[in-house]
Amino acid sequence: MLESLDTPVGRWALTLVTGAITATAVTLAYVLLIKLGYRLIQRRAIAREFLQQCDASGGVVVFLLTLQVVWTASDNDVPWIDAIRHINSLCLILALTWAALKAITAIGDVIVSLNPAIEGRHHAARKVETQARFLTRGLTVLVAIIGISTALMTFPSIRQLGTSLLASAGIGGLIIGFAARPVLSNLLAGLQIALSQPFRIEDVLKFKDEWCWVEEVTTTYVVLRTWDLRRLVVPLQWFIENPFENWTRRPTSLMGAVFMWLDYRMPLPPLRAEFERLLKADGAWDELIGTTQVVESGEHAMQIRFLMSSTDSIALWHLRCRMREALLDFVQREYPDYLPNVRARINENEVPEPSRPPAAPGDP
């Protein structure tokens, strides 16, 4: 029995069995610790969410790390031990990269969960969420690049190729930098936007005459949701190089106007009183701005502006629509004769020519 273990096949079987038993035992201990952790943090939703996202990747890392320790401690004369060590180390690097990506995502979700968008904290919550999403996506890209590069460097041929290409890195770097200029510029623009905060998630922007909400922010582009539920995908670099309107920057209150053309005979006091009554009865008015002014006098009628304010752009839009309908109904009901009229003046000294019947075909 002992003599059979001295053979190459016996040493290989012993190493394999030892690695499997050790890795299984350590993984079972890890699972028990995770279950104990779930019981200890049963009432802590944030910690439980973080653990749920990282437990699977952590188990894979523990399993592969235990195997790597067993393979490293094994004798070098075990058949194929070098290839097994290399494959296990490659899988361990990928597992560590996966675990790091899950941990970064979980940290971002926990930060967002700790800053809910409750009443009175909408601006602070959107600011924290935007920064967290930017930074987590940036770290995700960085960790993925480092993990894949480290995994590739475990191959000696690739490592030698990288060393031989180091001398030409200057020219190659210039070529790659020029080719990747749009990607790099968007990455830098994303970092700048994350720090300076010109807009946040769910901010209302006016983008090329489109009324949009910021729905998603990635490392290279922004997804804007229009009022008719279309999605506009805009590179981040555009927001750095071009001006745009942010209607909910700080604060969210906005002013809007309703314009009406009425006859010059229309009395303004009843119209002003009706507008004030309608504003006070509407819950969307924030009681800051509510004025009635004649802003233009044309050839046939005068233009009246009803200026009002509301808490945000959506409430203001609906408030303007309601005010316009109510004011039109008031004028049509109470002062129908004062709607815009077209006036004409006939010169009495000018005698119109007598009408003649239409000429028949062939008449001169």
Protein backbone atom coordinates (compact mmCIF):
# COMPACT_ATOMS: atom_id res chain seq x y z
CA MET A 1 0.00 0.00 0.00
CA LEU A 2 2.73 2.46 0.99
CA GLU A 3 4.87 1.38 -1.93
CA SER A 4 2.07 2.27 -4.34
CA LEU A 5 2.07 5.85 -3.02
CA ASP A 6 5.72 6.27 -4.07
CA THR A 7 4.80 5.87 -7.70
CA PRO A 8 4.00 8.99 -9.81
CA VAL A 9 0.35 7.99 -10.03
CA GLY A 10 0.19 7.44 -6.27
CA ARG A 11 1.78 10.80 -5.49
CA TRP A 12 -0.62 12.47 -7.91
CA ALA A 13 -3.64 10.73 -6.35
CA LEU A 14 -2.50 11.63 -2.83
CA THR A 15 -2.03 15.26 -3.76
CA LEU A 16 -5.39 15.37 -5.48
CA VAL A 17 -7.23 13.78 -2.56
CA THR A 18 -5.47 16.03 -0.05
CA GLY A 19 -6.35 19.14 -2.04
CA ALA A 20 -9.98 18.10 -2.50
CA ILE A 21 -10.49 17.25 1.19
CA THR A 22 -8.74 20.39 2.44
CA ALA A 23 -10.52 22.74 0.04
CA THR A 24 -13.91 21.15 0.79
CA ALA A 25 -13.37 21.43 4.55
CA VAL A 26 -12.29 25.06 4.34
CA THR A 27 -15.21 25.89 2.03
CA LEU A 28 -17.69 24.24 4.41
CA ALA A 29 -16.24 26.29 7.26
CA TYR A 30 -16.66 29.40 5.12
CA VAL A 31 -20.30 28.49 4.41
CA LEU A 32 -20.96 28.03 8.13
CA LEU A 33 -19.40 31.40 8.87
CA ILE A 34 -21.58 33.02 6.19
CA LYS A 35 -24.72 31.45 7.67
CA LEU A 36 -23.68 32.66 11.10
CA GLY A 37 -23.13 36.11 9.66
CA TYR A 38 -26.63 36.10 8.16
CA ARG A 39 -28.09 35.26 11.57
CA LEU A 40 -26.12 38.00 13.28
CA ILE A 41 -27.14 40.68 10.79
CA GLN A 42 -30.68 39.45 10.22
CA ARG A 43 -32.21 42.82 11.06
CA ARG A 44 -29.60 44.90 9.25
CA ALA A 45 -30.80 45.12 5.67
CA ILE A 46 -27.78 47.02 4.35
CA ALA A 47 -25.19 44.58 5.75
CA ARG A 48 -27.31 41.65 4.58
CA GLU A 49 -27.46 43.09 1.05
CA PHE A 50 -23.67 43.50 0.98
CA LEU A 51 -23.14 39.94 2.19
CA GLN A 52 -25.60 38.52 -0.34
CA GLN A 53 -23.70 40.07 -3.23
CA CYS A 54 -20.27 38.91 -2.05
CA ASP A 55 -20.82 35.48 -0.48
CA ALA A 56 -20.68 33.43 -3.70
CA SER A 57 -17.55 35.10 -5.08
CA GLY A 58 -15.89 34.88 -1.65
CA GLY A 59 -16.58 31.14 -1.51
CA VAL A 60 -14.92 30.60 -4.89
CA VAL A 61 -11.88 32.61 -3.78
CA VAL A 62 -11.57 30.60 -0.54
CA PHE A 63 -11.84 27.30 -2.42
CA LEU A 64 -9.23 28.21 -5.04
CA LEU A 65 -6.91 29.79 -2.49
CA THR A 66 -6.94 26.61 -0.41
CA LEU A 67 -6.17 24.52 -3.47
CA GLN A 68 -3.32 26.87 -4.38
CA VAL A 69 -1.79 26.42 -0.92
CA VAL A 70 -2.02 22.63 -1.28
CA TRP A 71 -0.48 22.67 -4.78
CA THR A 72 2.33 24.96 -3.62
CA ALA A 73 3.13 22.71 -0.65
CA SER A 74 3.20 19.59 -2.84
CA ASP A 75 6.42 18.05 -4.09
CA ASN A 76 7.74 19.26 -7.39
CA ASP A 77 8.09 15.71 -8.67
CA VAL A 78 4.30 15.21 -8.73
CA PRO A 79 3.23 14.83 -12.38
CA TRP A 80 1.80 17.92 -14.03
CA ILE A 81 2.01 19.88 -10.77
CA ASP A 82 3.41 22.96 -12.53
CA ALA A 83 0.55 23.06 -15.02
CA ILE A 84 -1.98 22.58 -12.22
CA ARG A 85 -0.42 25.41 -10.21
CA HIS A 86 -0.55 27.70 -13.23
CA ILE A 87 -4.17 26.88 -14.04
CA ASN A 88 -5.20 27.27 -10.40
CA SER A 89 -3.39 30.60 -10.06
CA LEU A 90 -5.05 31.81 -13.26
CA CYS A 91 -8.48 30.85 -11.93
CA LEU A 92 -7.64 32.43 -8.57
CA ILE A 93 -6.77 35.75 -10.22
CA LEU A 94 -10.03 35.74 -12.15
CA ALA A 95 -11.96 34.81 -8.99
CA LEU A 96 -10.31 37.64 -7.05
CA THR A 97 -11.21 40.04 -9.86
CA TRP A 98 -14.81 38.82 -9.76
CA ALA A 99 -14.93 39.20 -5.97
CA ALA A 100 -13.48 42.71 -6.19
CA LEU A 101 -16.06 43.70 -8.82
CA LYS A 102 -18.91 42.33 -6.68
CA ALA A 103 -17.56 44.15 -3.63
CA ILE A 104 -17.33 47.46 -5.52
CA THR A 105 -20.89 47.07 -6.80
CA ALA A 106 -22.12 46.17 -3.33
CA ILE A 107 -20.38 49.20 -1.81
CA GLY A 108 -22.04 51.46 -4.38
CA ASP A 109 -25.47 49.97 -3.65
CA VAL A 110 -24.92 50.31 0.10
CA ILE A 111 -23.95 53.97 -0.28
CA VAL A 112 -27.12 54.62 -2.29
CA SER A 113 -29.22 52.72 0.28
CA LEU A 114 -27.77 54.81 3.10
CA ASN A 115 -28.89 57.99 1.34
CA PRO A 116 -32.55 57.43 0.36
CA ALA A 117 -34.42 60.08 -1.63
CA ILE A 118 -36.81 61.00 1.17
CA GLU A 119 -38.73 64.26 1.33
CA GLY A 120 -36.43 67.18 1.93
CA ARG A 121 -33.26 65.27 0.90
CA HIS A 122 -33.85 64.73 -2.81
CA HIS A 123 -30.88 66.89 -3.90
CA ALA A 124 -28.41 65.32 -1.48
CA ALA A 125 -29.59 61.79 -2.32
CA ARG A 126 -29.32 62.33 -6.09
CA LYS A 127 -25.88 63.90 -5.67
CA VAL A 128 -24.58 60.94 -3.65
CA GLU A 129 -26.14 58.44 -6.06
CA THR A 130 -24.57 60.09 -9.10
CA GLN A 131 -21.12 60.21 -7.51
CA ALA A 132 -21.41 56.61 -6.28
CA ARG A 133 -22.44 55.32 -9.73
CA PHE A 134 -19.62 57.23 -11.45
CA LEU A 135 -16.93 56.05 -9.04
CA THR A 136 -18.09 52.43 -8.88
CA ARG A 137 -18.21 52.16 -12.67
CA GLY A 138 -14.78 53.74 -12.96
CA LEU A 139 -13.33 51.38 -10.34
CA THR A 140 -15.05 48.45 -12.06
CA VAL A 141 -13.30 49.21 -15.35
CA LEU A 142 -9.96 49.72 -13.59
CA VAL A 143 -10.18 46.49 -11.58
CA ALA A 144 -11.28 44.50 -14.64
CA ILE A 145 -8.31 45.79 -16.65
CA ILE A 146 -5.87 45.02 -13.84
CA GLY A 147 -7.31 41.53 -13.31
CA ILE A 148 -7.24 40.57 -16.98
CA SER A 149 -3.74 42.00 -17.40
CA THR A 150 -2.47 40.08 -14.36
CA ALA A 151 -4.02 36.87 -15.65
CA LEU A 152 -2.39 37.31 -19.04
CA MET A 153 0.99 38.04 -17.47
CA THR A 154 1.01 34.54 -15.93
CA PHE A 155 1.84 33.19 -19.39
CA PRO A 156 5.61 33.40 -19.96
CA SER A 157 5.25 33.97 -23.69
CA ILE A 158 3.04 37.00 -23.19
CA ARG A 159 5.38 38.35 -20.50
CA GLN A 160 8.33 38.06 -22.88
CA LEU A 161 6.32 39.68 -25.64
CA GLY A 162 5.52 42.61 -23.38
CA THR A 163 9.20 43.00 -22.51
CA SER A 164 10.23 42.98 -26.17
CA LEU A 165 7.58 45.55 -27.03
CA LEU A 166 8.63 47.87 -24.23
CA ALA A 167 11.24 49.53 -26.44
CA SER A 168 8.59 50.59 -28.94
CA ALA A 169 6.11 51.66 -26.27
CA GLY A 170 6.57 55.34 -27.12
CA ILE A 171 5.29 55.11 -30.68
CA GLY A 172 2.75 52.45 -29.75
CA GLY A 173 1.50 54.56 -26.87
CA LEU A 174 0.99 57.53 -29.17
CA ILE A 175 -0.92 55.41 -31.67
CA ILE A 176 -3.07 53.77 -29.01
CA GLY A 177 -3.66 57.09 -27.26
CA PHE A 178 -4.79 58.72 -30.49
CA ALA A 179 -7.07 55.79 -31.34
CA ALA A 180 -8.54 55.68 -27.83
CA ARG A 181 -8.91 59.45 -27.54
CA PRO A 182 -12.75 59.39 -27.59
CA VAL A 183 -12.87 56.71 -24.90
CA LEU A 184 -10.27 58.42 -22.72
CA SER A 185 -11.91 61.81 -23.15
CA ASN A 186 -15.26 60.37 -22.06
CA LEU A 187 -13.64 58.69 -19.05
CA LEU A 188 -12.02 61.96 -18.01
CA ALA A 189 -15.27 63.80 -18.66
CA GLY A 190 -17.07 61.30 -16.44
CA LEU A 191 -14.59 61.90 -13.64
CA GLN A 192 -15.02 65.66 -14.02
CA ILE A 193 -18.81 65.39 -13.99
CA ALA A 194 -18.72 63.13 -10.93
CA LEU A 195 -16.68 65.72 -9.02
CA SER A 196 -18.27 68.96 -10.26
CA GLN A 197 -21.87 67.66 -10.40
CA PRO A 198 -23.33 69.77 -13.26
CA PHE A 199 -26.27 67.36 -13.23
CA ARG A 200 -27.50 64.43 -11.17
CA ILE A 201 -29.67 61.39 -11.78
CA GLU A 202 -33.33 62.41 -12.30
CA ASP A 203 -32.37 66.03 -12.99
CA VAL A 204 -34.43 67.72 -15.70
CA LEU A 205 -32.30 68.93 -18.63
CA LYS A 206 -33.09 70.76 -21.82
CA PHE A 207 -30.98 69.01 -24.44
CA LYS A 208 -31.23 70.42 -27.98
CA ASP A 209 -34.83 71.61 -27.45
CA GLU A 210 -35.72 68.26 -25.85
CA TRP A 211 -37.13 68.14 -22.33
CA CYS A 212 -35.34 65.19 -20.69
CA TRP A 213 -34.65 63.46 -17.39
CA VAL A 214 -31.23 62.00 -16.56
CA GLU A 215 -32.03 58.29 -16.30
CA GLU A 216 -28.60 56.61 -16.25
CA VAL A 217 -24.99 57.75 -16.07
CA THR A 218 -22.20 55.40 -17.16
CA THR A 219 -18.46 55.88 -17.53
CA THR A 220 -18.76 57.00 -21.16
CA TYR A 221 -22.33 58.16 -21.86
CA VAL A 222 -25.54 59.48 -20.32
CA VAL A 223 -29.02 58.08 -21.00
CA LEU A 224 -31.67 60.82 -21.17
CA ARG A 225 -35.39 60.00 -20.98
CA THR A 226 -37.58 62.37 -22.98
CA TRP A 227 -41.12 63.37 -22.07
CA ASP A 228 -42.50 60.87 -24.61
CA LEU A 229 -40.35 58.05 -23.11
CA ARG A 230 -37.71 57.99 -25.83
CA ARG A 231 -34.09 57.44 -24.76
CA LEU A 232 -31.24 59.64 -25.92
CA VAL A 233 -27.71 58.27 -25.48
CA VAL A 234 -25.26 61.18 -25.28
CA PRO A 235 -21.46 60.91 -24.78
CA LEU A 236 -20.19 62.53 -21.60
CA GLN A 237 -17.77 64.67 -23.56
CA TRP A 238 -20.72 66.57 -25.09
CA PHE A 239 -21.74 67.92 -21.69
CA ILE A 240 -18.22 69.20 -21.08
CA GLU A 241 -17.90 70.98 -24.43
CA ASN A 242 -21.47 72.33 -24.88
CA PRO A 243 -23.84 74.40 -22.75
CA PHE A 244 -27.12 72.90 -21.59
CA GLU A 245 -30.00 73.85 -19.29
CA ASN A 246 -30.50 72.18 -15.92
CA TRP A 247 -33.97 72.97 -14.62
CA THR A 248 -33.50 71.25 -11.26
CA ARG A 249 -29.97 72.29 -10.38
CA ARG A 250 -30.50 74.26 -7.16
CA PRO A 251 -33.28 74.85 -6.21
CA THR A 252 -35.98 73.10 -8.24
CA SER A 253 -38.49 75.99 -8.22
CA LEU A 254 -39.23 77.43 -11.66
CA MET A 255 -41.31 80.22 -13.18
CA GLY A 256 -43.57 79.82 -16.17
CA ALA A 257 -46.00 81.99 -18.10
CA VAL A 258 -49.30 81.71 -19.92
CA PHE A 259 -49.95 84.25 -22.70
CA MET A 260 -53.36 85.36 -23.99
CA TRP A 261 -54.40 87.81 -26.71
CA LEU A 262 -57.51 89.81 -25.75
CA ASP A 263 -59.38 92.82 -27.05
CA TYR A 264 -58.40 96.28 -25.78
CA ARG A 265 -61.79 96.65 -24.12
CA MET A 266 -61.16 93.72 -21.77
CA PRO A 267 -61.05 94.99 -18.14
CA LEU A 268 -57.94 93.77 -16.33
CA PRO A 269 -59.03 93.81 -12.61
CA PRO A 270 -61.55 90.93 -12.94
CA LEU A 271 -59.03 88.92 -14.97
CA ARG A 272 -56.30 89.55 -12.39
CA ALA A 273 -58.64 88.61 -9.52
CA GLU A 274 -59.69 85.40 -11.28
CA PHE A 275 -56.06 84.43 -11.87
CA GLU A 276 -55.20 84.98 -8.20
CA ARG A 277 -58.23 82.93 -7.15
CA LEU A 278 -57.24 80.07 -9.41
CA LEU A 279 -53.67 80.08 -8.11
CA LYS A 280 -54.73 79.98 -4.47
CA ALA A 281 -57.07 77.08 -5.18
CA ASP A 282 -54.37 75.07 -6.96
CA GLY A 283 -52.05 73.04 -4.73
CA ALA A 284 -49.16 73.11 -7.22
CA TRP A 285 -48.58 76.86 -6.75
CA ASP A 286 -45.73 77.58 -4.31
CA GLU A 287 -47.04 81.10 -3.50
CA LEU A 288 -43.85 82.82 -4.68
CA ILE A 289 -44.76 84.35 -8.06
CA GLY A 290 -48.23 85.19 -9.36
CA THR A 291 -48.58 88.30 -11.50
CA THR A 292 -50.76 89.54 -14.36
CA GLN A 293 -49.21 92.02 -16.80
CA VAL A 294 -49.86 93.47 -20.25
CA VAL A 295 -46.60 92.73 -22.03
CA GLU A 296 -47.45 93.74 -25.62
CA SER A 297 -49.96 95.84 -27.51
CA GLY A 298 -50.45 94.90 -31.12
CA GLU A 299 -52.49 96.30 -33.96
CA HIS A 300 -55.66 94.40 -33.11
CA ALA A 301 -55.29 93.17 -29.49
CA MET A 302 -53.18 93.26 -26.37
CA GLN A 303 -51.12 90.37 -25.01
CA ILE A 304 -51.47 89.52 -21.31
CA ARG A 305 -48.90 87.43 -19.46
CA PHE A 306 -49.89 85.38 -16.42
CA LEU A 307 -46.64 84.59 -14.60
CA MET A 308 -46.59 81.82 -11.96
CA SER A 309 -44.13 79.56 -10.14
CA SER A 310 -44.15 76.01 -8.84
CA THR A 311 -41.94 73.56 -6.98
CA ASP A 312 -40.51 71.75 -10.00
CA SER A 313 -40.71 71.60 -13.78
CA ILE A 314 -43.34 68.85 -13.98
CA ALA A 315 -45.69 70.55 -11.52
CA LEU A 316 -45.15 73.87 -13.33
CA TRP A 317 -46.07 72.37 -16.71
CA HIS A 318 -49.36 70.97 -15.44
CA LEU A 319 -50.08 74.18 -13.51
CA ARG A 320 -49.67 76.26 -16.68
CA CYS A 321 -51.98 73.95 -18.61
CA ARG A 322 -54.66 74.17 -15.93
CA MET A 323 -54.38 77.96 -15.69
CA ARG A 324 -54.62 78.36 -19.46
CA GLU A 325 -57.76 76.23 -19.67
CA ALA A 326 -59.40 77.93 -16.67
CA LEU A 327 -58.65 81.45 -17.92
CA LEU A 328 -59.94 80.69 -21.40
CA ASP A 329 -63.11 79.29 -19.87
CA PHE A 330 -63.49 82.41 -17.70
CA VAL A 331 -63.15 84.80 -20.65
CA GLN A 332 -65.48 82.77 -22.87
CA ARG A 333 -68.06 82.57 -20.10
CA GLU A 334 -67.91 86.10 -18.62
CA TYR A 335 -66.50 88.28 -21.42
CA PRO A 336 -67.13 86.56 -24.75
CA ASP A 337 -67.29 89.89 -26.62
CA TYR A 338 -63.74 90.76 -25.60
CA LEU A 339 -61.99 87.98 -27.43
CA PRO A 340 -59.61 89.20 -30.17
CA ASN A 341 -61.46 90.90 -33.02
CA VAL A 342 -60.33 91.93 -36.47
CA ARG A 343 -61.14 95.58 -37.11
CA ALA A 344 -61.56 97.15 -40.57
CA ARG A 345 -62.12 100.78 -41.59
CA ILE A 346 -64.02 101.67 -44.75
CA ASN A 347 -63.25 104.96 -46.49
CA GLU A 348 -66.62 106.60 -47.20
CA ASN A 349 -65.15 108.88 -49.90
CA GLU A 350 -64.16 105.91 -51.98
CA VAL A 351 -67.12 104.69 -54.06
CA PRO A 352 -66.88 101.06 -55.05
CA GLU A 353 -67.15 100.23 -58.70
CA PRO A 354 -70.42 98.60 -59.79
CA SER A 355 -70.19 94.94 -60.10
CA ARG A 356 -70.30 93.50 -63.57
CA PRO A 357 -71.47 90.02 -64.51
CA PRO A 358 -68.70 87.67 -65.51
CA ALA A 359 -67.79 87.82 -69.19
CA ALA A 360 -68.86 84.96 -71.40
CA PRO A 361 -66.17 82.97 -73.22
CA GLY A 362 -65.10 84.78 -76.34
CA ASP A 363 -66.27 88.28 -75.21
CA PRO A 364 -63.68 91.08 -75.42
